[in-house]
N, C-alpha and C. Protein backbone atom coordinates (compact mmCIF):
# COMPACT_ATOMS: atom_id res chain seq x y z
N UNK A 1 1.27 4.31 37.36
CA UNK A 1 1.04 4.03 35.99
C UNK A 1 -0.05 2.97 35.86
N UNK A 2 -0.94 3.16 34.88
CA UNK A 2 -1.96 2.19 34.60
C UNK A 2 -1.42 1.14 33.66
N UNK A 3 -2.21 0.14 33.30
CA UNK A 3 -1.71 -0.90 32.37
C UNK A 3 -1.22 -0.36 31.07
N UNK A 4 -0.19 -0.97 30.53
CA UNK A 4 0.35 -0.56 29.25
C UNK A 4 1.12 0.70 29.26
N UNK A 5 1.44 1.24 30.41
CA UNK A 5 2.23 2.44 30.48
C UNK A 5 1.37 3.71 30.28
N UNK A 6 0.08 3.62 30.24
CA UNK A 6 -0.78 4.78 30.05
C UNK A 6 -0.97 5.49 31.34
N UNK A 7 -1.05 6.81 31.27
CA UNK A 7 -1.24 7.57 32.46
C UNK A 7 -2.68 7.51 32.91
N UNK A 8 -2.90 7.18 34.18
CA UNK A 8 -4.25 7.20 34.68
C UNK A 8 -4.55 8.56 35.30
N UNK A 9 -5.72 9.02 35.09
CA UNK A 9 -6.16 10.30 35.64
C UNK A 9 -7.33 10.07 36.58
N UNK A 10 -7.24 10.51 37.78
CA UNK A 10 -8.33 10.34 38.69
C UNK A 10 -9.20 11.56 38.71
N UNK A 11 -10.51 11.35 38.94
CA UNK A 11 -11.42 12.49 39.09
C UNK A 11 -11.10 13.22 40.37
N UNK A 12 -11.11 14.53 40.25
CA UNK A 12 -10.78 15.31 41.43
C UNK A 12 -12.08 15.59 42.18
N UNK A 13 -12.07 15.38 43.47
CA UNK A 13 -13.21 15.61 44.33
C UNK A 13 -12.71 16.55 45.38
N UNK A 14 -13.40 17.61 45.71
CA UNK A 14 -12.93 18.57 46.61
C UNK A 14 -13.20 18.24 48.08
N UNK A 15 -13.54 17.03 48.36
CA UNK A 15 -13.71 16.58 49.74
C UNK A 15 -12.36 16.30 50.36
N UNK A 16 -12.30 16.21 51.67
CA UNK A 16 -11.01 15.91 52.32
C UNK A 16 -10.41 14.59 51.80
N UNK A 17 -9.10 14.55 51.71
CA UNK A 17 -8.38 13.38 51.17
C UNK A 17 -8.20 12.33 52.27
N UNK A 18 -8.26 11.02 51.89
CA UNK A 18 -7.95 9.97 52.88
C UNK A 18 -6.47 10.09 53.16
N UNK A 19 -6.06 9.48 54.27
CA UNK A 19 -4.68 9.50 54.71
C UNK A 19 -3.81 8.89 53.59
N UNK A 20 -2.73 9.52 53.29
CA UNK A 20 -1.75 8.99 52.30
C UNK A 20 -2.10 9.35 50.89
N UNK A 21 -3.16 10.04 50.64
CA UNK A 21 -3.54 10.42 49.25
C UNK A 21 -3.24 11.90 49.04
N UNK A 22 -2.86 12.28 47.85
CA UNK A 22 -2.69 13.70 47.55
C UNK A 22 -4.04 14.42 47.70
N UNK A 23 -3.96 15.71 48.00
CA UNK A 23 -5.19 16.50 48.12
C UNK A 23 -6.04 16.46 46.88
N UNK A 24 -7.34 16.25 47.07
CA UNK A 24 -8.26 16.28 45.90
C UNK A 24 -8.44 14.94 45.20
N UNK A 25 -7.83 13.84 45.67
CA UNK A 25 -7.94 12.53 45.02
C UNK A 25 -8.56 11.57 46.01
N UNK A 26 -9.57 10.88 45.58
CA UNK A 26 -10.24 9.86 46.36
C UNK A 26 -9.62 8.52 46.03
N UNK A 27 -9.41 7.67 47.07
CA UNK A 27 -8.81 6.34 46.84
C UNK A 27 -9.70 5.39 46.12
N UNK A 28 -11.02 5.51 46.33
CA UNK A 28 -11.94 4.52 45.73
C UNK A 28 -12.42 4.94 44.35
N UNK A 29 -11.95 6.02 43.77
CA UNK A 29 -12.38 6.45 42.45
C UNK A 29 -11.55 5.70 41.43
N UNK A 30 -12.18 4.93 40.52
CA UNK A 30 -11.43 4.22 39.50
C UNK A 30 -10.71 5.20 38.51
N UNK A 31 -9.54 4.80 38.00
CA UNK A 31 -8.88 5.70 37.07
C UNK A 31 -9.62 5.71 35.74
N UNK A 32 -9.55 6.80 35.03
CA UNK A 32 -9.99 6.89 33.64
C UNK A 32 -8.82 7.21 32.79
N UNK A 33 -8.71 6.60 31.60
CA UNK A 33 -7.56 6.77 30.76
C UNK A 33 -7.82 7.93 29.77
N UNK A 34 -6.80 8.72 29.46
CA UNK A 34 -7.01 9.79 28.51
C UNK A 34 -7.09 9.19 27.11
N UNK A 35 -8.00 9.66 26.30
CA UNK A 35 -8.18 9.14 24.96
C UNK A 35 -7.81 10.23 23.97
N UNK A 36 -7.03 9.93 22.92
CA UNK A 36 -6.71 10.91 21.92
C UNK A 36 -7.89 11.25 20.99
N UNK A 37 -7.81 12.35 20.28
CA UNK A 37 -8.84 12.68 19.32
C UNK A 37 -8.68 11.80 18.08
N UNK A 38 -9.82 11.53 17.37
CA UNK A 38 -9.78 10.83 16.11
C UNK A 38 -9.43 11.82 15.03
N UNK A 39 -8.65 11.40 14.06
CA UNK A 39 -8.28 12.30 12.95
C UNK A 39 -8.27 11.57 11.63
N UNK A 40 -8.88 12.16 10.63
CA UNK A 40 -8.85 11.84 9.24
C UNK A 40 -9.00 10.40 8.76
N UNK A 41 -9.18 10.21 7.41
CA UNK A 41 -9.14 8.95 6.73
C UNK A 41 -10.06 7.86 7.29
N UNK A 42 -9.50 6.67 7.41
CA UNK A 42 -10.27 5.52 7.92
C UNK A 42 -10.65 5.71 9.35
N UNK A 43 -10.00 6.62 10.06
CA UNK A 43 -10.30 6.86 11.44
C UNK A 43 -11.71 7.39 11.62
N UNK A 44 -12.24 8.03 10.64
CA UNK A 44 -13.62 8.58 10.73
C UNK A 44 -14.62 7.46 10.81
N UNK A 45 -14.30 6.30 10.25
CA UNK A 45 -15.24 5.19 10.31
C UNK A 45 -15.47 4.75 11.72
N UNK A 46 -14.51 5.01 12.59
CA UNK A 46 -14.63 4.55 13.99
C UNK A 46 -15.34 5.55 14.86
N UNK A 47 -15.56 6.80 14.37
CA UNK A 47 -16.18 7.83 15.18
C UNK A 47 -17.33 8.45 14.42
N UNK A 48 -18.45 7.80 14.39
CA UNK A 48 -19.62 8.29 13.61
C UNK A 48 -20.18 9.56 14.17
N UNK A 49 -19.98 9.88 15.42
CA UNK A 49 -20.56 11.09 15.99
C UNK A 49 -19.90 12.34 15.46
N UNK A 50 -18.65 12.26 15.00
CA UNK A 50 -17.94 13.47 14.55
C UNK A 50 -18.01 13.61 13.01
N UNK A 51 -18.24 12.52 12.28
CA UNK A 51 -18.23 12.60 10.83
C UNK A 51 -19.64 12.47 10.31
N UNK A 52 -19.93 13.23 9.27
CA UNK A 52 -21.25 13.10 8.62
C UNK A 52 -21.34 11.85 7.77
N UNK A 53 -22.53 11.52 7.33
CA UNK A 53 -22.71 10.31 6.55
C UNK A 53 -21.99 10.39 5.25
N UNK A 54 -21.92 11.57 4.61
CA UNK A 54 -21.19 11.75 3.37
C UNK A 54 -19.70 11.46 3.55
N UNK A 55 -19.14 11.93 4.65
CA UNK A 55 -17.73 11.70 4.97
C UNK A 55 -17.51 10.18 5.14
N UNK A 56 -18.41 9.50 5.83
CA UNK A 56 -18.25 8.05 6.07
C UNK A 56 -18.29 7.28 4.72
N UNK A 57 -19.22 7.62 3.84
CA UNK A 57 -19.29 6.98 2.57
C UNK A 57 -18.07 7.25 1.71
N UNK A 58 -17.63 8.52 1.71
CA UNK A 58 -16.45 8.91 0.96
C UNK A 58 -15.21 8.16 1.49
N UNK A 59 -15.08 8.05 2.76
CA UNK A 59 -13.94 7.34 3.33
C UNK A 59 -13.97 5.88 3.04
N UNK A 60 -15.20 5.30 3.12
CA UNK A 60 -15.36 3.84 2.82
C UNK A 60 -15.04 3.58 1.36
N UNK A 61 -15.45 4.44 0.45
CA UNK A 61 -15.16 4.25 -0.97
C UNK A 61 -13.69 4.42 -1.21
N UNK A 62 -13.04 5.37 -0.55
CA UNK A 62 -11.61 5.59 -0.72
C UNK A 62 -10.83 4.32 -0.31
N UNK A 63 -11.26 3.67 0.73
CA UNK A 63 -10.59 2.46 1.23
C UNK A 63 -10.84 1.32 0.24
N UNK A 64 -12.13 1.12 -0.13
CA UNK A 64 -12.50 -0.02 -0.97
C UNK A 64 -11.93 0.10 -2.43
N UNK A 65 -11.73 1.29 -2.91
CA UNK A 65 -11.30 1.49 -4.26
C UNK A 65 -9.80 1.58 -4.40
N UNK A 66 -9.05 1.40 -3.33
CA UNK A 66 -7.58 1.32 -3.43
C UNK A 66 -7.23 0.12 -4.26
N UNK A 67 -6.36 0.19 -5.18
CA UNK A 67 -6.06 -0.90 -6.11
C UNK A 67 -5.74 -2.22 -5.43
N UNK A 68 -4.95 -2.25 -4.34
CA UNK A 68 -4.65 -3.52 -3.73
C UNK A 68 -5.87 -4.12 -3.04
N UNK A 69 -6.76 -3.30 -2.51
CA UNK A 69 -7.97 -3.78 -1.87
C UNK A 69 -8.96 -4.26 -2.92
N UNK A 70 -9.10 -3.50 -4.03
CA UNK A 70 -10.02 -3.86 -5.04
C UNK A 70 -9.61 -5.13 -5.74
N UNK A 71 -8.32 -5.34 -5.94
CA UNK A 71 -7.80 -6.57 -6.54
C UNK A 71 -8.15 -7.75 -5.63
N UNK A 72 -8.00 -7.63 -4.35
CA UNK A 72 -8.30 -8.70 -3.40
C UNK A 72 -9.78 -9.04 -3.39
N UNK A 73 -10.63 -8.00 -3.23
CA UNK A 73 -12.06 -8.21 -3.13
C UNK A 73 -12.65 -8.75 -4.43
N UNK A 74 -12.16 -8.32 -5.56
CA UNK A 74 -12.63 -8.86 -6.83
C UNK A 74 -12.22 -10.32 -7.01
N UNK A 75 -11.00 -10.65 -6.58
CA UNK A 75 -10.53 -12.05 -6.65
C UNK A 75 -11.45 -12.92 -5.82
N UNK A 76 -11.70 -12.48 -4.62
CA UNK A 76 -12.63 -13.28 -3.73
C UNK A 76 -13.98 -13.43 -4.36
N UNK A 77 -14.50 -12.34 -4.93
CA UNK A 77 -15.83 -12.42 -5.57
C UNK A 77 -15.86 -13.37 -6.75
N UNK A 78 -14.84 -13.34 -7.58
CA UNK A 78 -14.77 -14.27 -8.76
C UNK A 78 -14.68 -15.71 -8.30
N UNK A 79 -13.79 -16.02 -7.34
CA UNK A 79 -13.60 -17.38 -6.90
C UNK A 79 -14.87 -17.93 -6.25
N UNK A 80 -15.40 -17.16 -5.24
CA UNK A 80 -16.58 -17.60 -4.53
C UNK A 80 -17.77 -17.65 -5.42
N UNK A 81 -17.99 -16.63 -6.25
CA UNK A 81 -19.09 -16.58 -7.19
C UNK A 81 -19.11 -17.72 -8.19
N UNK A 82 -17.93 -18.08 -8.69
CA UNK A 82 -17.84 -19.19 -9.62
C UNK A 82 -18.20 -20.54 -8.91
N UNK A 83 -17.71 -20.68 -7.71
CA UNK A 83 -18.00 -21.95 -6.96
C UNK A 83 -19.51 -22.02 -6.73
N UNK A 84 -20.13 -20.92 -6.24
CA UNK A 84 -21.56 -20.92 -5.97
C UNK A 84 -22.36 -21.13 -7.23
N UNK A 85 -21.96 -20.47 -8.34
CA UNK A 85 -22.73 -20.69 -9.59
C UNK A 85 -22.62 -22.12 -10.05
N UNK A 86 -21.40 -22.68 -9.94
CA UNK A 86 -21.20 -24.09 -10.35
C UNK A 86 -22.11 -25.03 -9.47
N UNK A 87 -22.13 -24.81 -8.21
CA UNK A 87 -22.92 -25.63 -7.33
C UNK A 87 -24.39 -25.50 -7.61
N UNK A 88 -24.89 -24.27 -7.76
CA UNK A 88 -26.34 -24.01 -7.86
C UNK A 88 -26.93 -24.04 -9.25
N UNK A 89 -26.16 -23.70 -10.28
CA UNK A 89 -26.78 -23.47 -11.57
C UNK A 89 -26.14 -24.21 -12.76
N UNK A 90 -25.09 -24.97 -12.55
CA UNK A 90 -24.36 -25.55 -13.68
C UNK A 90 -25.21 -26.46 -14.49
N UNK A 91 -26.11 -27.22 -13.89
CA UNK A 91 -26.96 -28.14 -14.62
C UNK A 91 -27.92 -27.41 -15.51
N UNK A 92 -28.49 -26.31 -15.04
CA UNK A 92 -29.44 -25.51 -15.82
C UNK A 92 -28.75 -24.82 -16.99
N UNK A 93 -27.58 -24.27 -16.72
CA UNK A 93 -26.80 -23.61 -17.71
C UNK A 93 -26.28 -24.62 -18.82
N UNK A 94 -25.87 -25.77 -18.34
CA UNK A 94 -25.32 -26.82 -19.28
C UNK A 94 -26.44 -27.34 -20.19
N UNK A 95 -27.67 -27.47 -19.69
CA UNK A 95 -28.83 -27.98 -20.52
C UNK A 95 -29.27 -26.85 -21.49
N UNK A 96 -28.86 -25.63 -21.23
CA UNK A 96 -29.33 -24.52 -22.07
C UNK A 96 -30.67 -23.99 -21.68
N UNK A 97 -31.10 -24.32 -20.45
CA UNK A 97 -32.43 -23.86 -19.97
C UNK A 97 -32.33 -22.58 -19.10
N UNK A 98 -31.19 -21.91 -19.18
CA UNK A 98 -30.99 -20.73 -18.35
C UNK A 98 -31.92 -19.61 -18.83
N UNK A 99 -32.60 -19.02 -17.86
CA UNK A 99 -33.46 -17.84 -18.17
C UNK A 99 -32.81 -16.57 -17.63
N UNK A 100 -33.54 -15.48 -17.78
CA UNK A 100 -33.04 -14.27 -17.18
C UNK A 100 -32.95 -14.33 -15.69
N UNK A 101 -33.91 -15.06 -15.05
CA UNK A 101 -33.86 -15.20 -13.60
C UNK A 101 -32.61 -16.02 -13.18
N UNK A 102 -32.30 -17.04 -13.95
CA UNK A 102 -31.10 -17.84 -13.65
C UNK A 102 -29.88 -16.97 -13.72
N UNK A 103 -29.78 -16.13 -14.74
CA UNK A 103 -28.62 -15.28 -14.90
C UNK A 103 -28.54 -14.20 -13.81
N UNK A 104 -29.68 -13.71 -13.38
CA UNK A 104 -29.70 -12.75 -12.30
C UNK A 104 -29.24 -13.40 -10.99
N UNK A 105 -29.68 -14.65 -10.72
CA UNK A 105 -29.20 -15.34 -9.54
C UNK A 105 -27.72 -15.60 -9.62
N UNK A 106 -27.25 -15.91 -10.80
CA UNK A 106 -25.81 -16.15 -10.97
C UNK A 106 -25.04 -14.88 -10.74
N UNK A 107 -25.56 -13.76 -11.21
CA UNK A 107 -24.87 -12.52 -10.98
C UNK A 107 -24.83 -12.14 -9.47
N UNK A 108 -25.87 -12.50 -8.76
CA UNK A 108 -25.87 -12.26 -7.30
C UNK A 108 -24.83 -13.16 -6.60
N UNK A 109 -24.53 -14.31 -7.23
CA UNK A 109 -23.47 -15.19 -6.65
C UNK A 109 -22.10 -14.48 -6.66
N UNK A 110 -21.95 -13.54 -7.52
CA UNK A 110 -20.69 -12.76 -7.62
C UNK A 110 -20.79 -11.49 -6.82
N UNK A 111 -21.94 -10.87 -6.79
CA UNK A 111 -22.11 -9.56 -6.12
C UNK A 111 -22.06 -9.71 -4.59
N UNK A 112 -22.69 -10.75 -4.07
CA UNK A 112 -22.73 -10.89 -2.58
C UNK A 112 -21.35 -11.10 -1.98
N UNK A 113 -20.47 -11.99 -2.55
CA UNK A 113 -19.12 -12.07 -1.94
C UNK A 113 -18.33 -10.80 -2.11
N UNK A 114 -18.55 -10.05 -3.15
CA UNK A 114 -17.84 -8.76 -3.34
C UNK A 114 -18.25 -7.79 -2.25
N UNK A 115 -19.52 -7.73 -1.95
CA UNK A 115 -19.98 -6.78 -0.92
C UNK A 115 -19.49 -7.26 0.47
N UNK A 116 -19.59 -8.55 0.74
CA UNK A 116 -19.14 -9.10 2.04
C UNK A 116 -17.64 -8.90 2.27
N UNK A 117 -16.88 -9.14 1.20
CA UNK A 117 -15.42 -8.93 1.38
C UNK A 117 -15.06 -7.45 1.61
N UNK A 118 -15.82 -6.54 0.96
CA UNK A 118 -15.56 -5.09 1.22
C UNK A 118 -16.01 -4.71 2.61
N UNK A 119 -17.11 -5.25 3.10
CA UNK A 119 -17.52 -4.98 4.48
C UNK A 119 -16.46 -5.52 5.47
N UNK A 120 -15.92 -6.64 5.22
CA UNK A 120 -14.88 -7.18 6.08
C UNK A 120 -13.64 -6.28 6.02
N UNK A 121 -13.34 -5.73 4.86
CA UNK A 121 -12.21 -4.83 4.75
C UNK A 121 -12.46 -3.56 5.53
N UNK A 122 -13.65 -3.04 5.49
CA UNK A 122 -13.97 -1.79 6.26
C UNK A 122 -13.94 -2.06 7.75
N UNK A 123 -14.45 -3.22 8.16
CA UNK A 123 -14.42 -3.54 9.61
C UNK A 123 -12.96 -3.67 10.05
N UNK A 124 -12.11 -4.30 9.24
CA UNK A 124 -10.69 -4.44 9.58
C UNK A 124 -10.03 -3.04 9.62
N UNK A 125 -10.36 -2.20 8.72
CA UNK A 125 -9.77 -0.84 8.71
C UNK A 125 -10.24 -0.08 9.94
N UNK A 126 -11.49 -0.26 10.33
CA UNK A 126 -11.95 0.39 11.53
C UNK A 126 -11.29 -0.11 12.79
N UNK A 127 -11.09 -1.49 12.87
CA UNK A 127 -10.42 -2.05 13.99
C UNK A 127 -8.96 -1.61 14.10
N UNK A 128 -8.26 -1.49 12.92
CA UNK A 128 -6.90 -1.01 12.94
C UNK A 128 -6.81 0.41 13.44
N UNK A 129 -7.73 1.25 12.96
CA UNK A 129 -7.67 2.66 13.38
C UNK A 129 -8.02 2.83 14.86
N UNK A 130 -8.93 1.99 15.33
CA UNK A 130 -9.27 2.07 16.75
C UNK A 130 -8.06 1.60 17.61
N UNK A 131 -7.42 0.51 17.15
CA UNK A 131 -6.25 0.00 17.89
C UNK A 131 -5.13 1.03 17.87
N UNK A 132 -4.92 1.65 16.72
CA UNK A 132 -3.82 2.61 16.57
C UNK A 132 -4.07 3.83 17.47
N UNK A 133 -5.31 4.32 17.57
CA UNK A 133 -5.54 5.58 18.25
C UNK A 133 -6.15 5.41 19.62
N UNK A 134 -6.42 4.15 20.03
CA UNK A 134 -6.94 4.00 21.40
C UNK A 134 -5.85 3.81 22.40
N UNK A 135 -4.62 3.59 21.95
CA UNK A 135 -3.54 3.54 22.91
C UNK A 135 -3.32 4.93 23.54
N UNK A 136 -3.00 4.88 24.80
CA UNK A 136 -2.82 6.16 25.55
C UNK A 136 -1.52 6.83 25.07
N UNK A 137 -1.54 8.13 25.18
CA UNK A 137 -0.33 8.90 24.87
C UNK A 137 0.60 8.84 26.07
N UNK A 138 1.92 8.80 25.78
CA UNK A 138 2.90 8.83 26.84
C UNK A 138 2.87 10.27 27.43
N UNK A 139 2.79 10.39 28.70
CA UNK A 139 2.74 11.68 29.34
C UNK A 139 4.01 11.96 30.10
C-alpha cells in the first residue's frame, strides 16, 4: 500500500524480474498513483484541459452567484470599500470638492475588493475540488 491507503501501480516492464519481485515489475520503478476522472460543477475549474472557456466562466458565475457566496463577497466589498474611501477621499468629499474622477476612484474602492473576494472564493472552490477528487480510490 502507498501512503494514505492508496493503491500504488508500478509500470510493467517486460524485462526479467529481480529476485523476489513478481514477473513484469521492476524494483527501482517508483509507484504512480491512480487518479480519478474530474466530473462536473466546480471540479471543471481544476481541469482546464477538459473544459472549454465558456464552461469555466459558467461554472465560475454559478459559484459566485450563489446567495451565500454573494452575501459574503458583497459584505467584504462594502466594508473594505468604505474603509478605503474614508482613508483616501473623505476630506475631498467632506469639502464638497468631489469630481467625477473622485467618484470613479471611490467606486473602484468597492469594485476591487468584490473582485478579489470572488477570486479567493474560486481558488478555494478549486482547492476543495482538487482535494476531494485527488484522493485515491480504494481498490
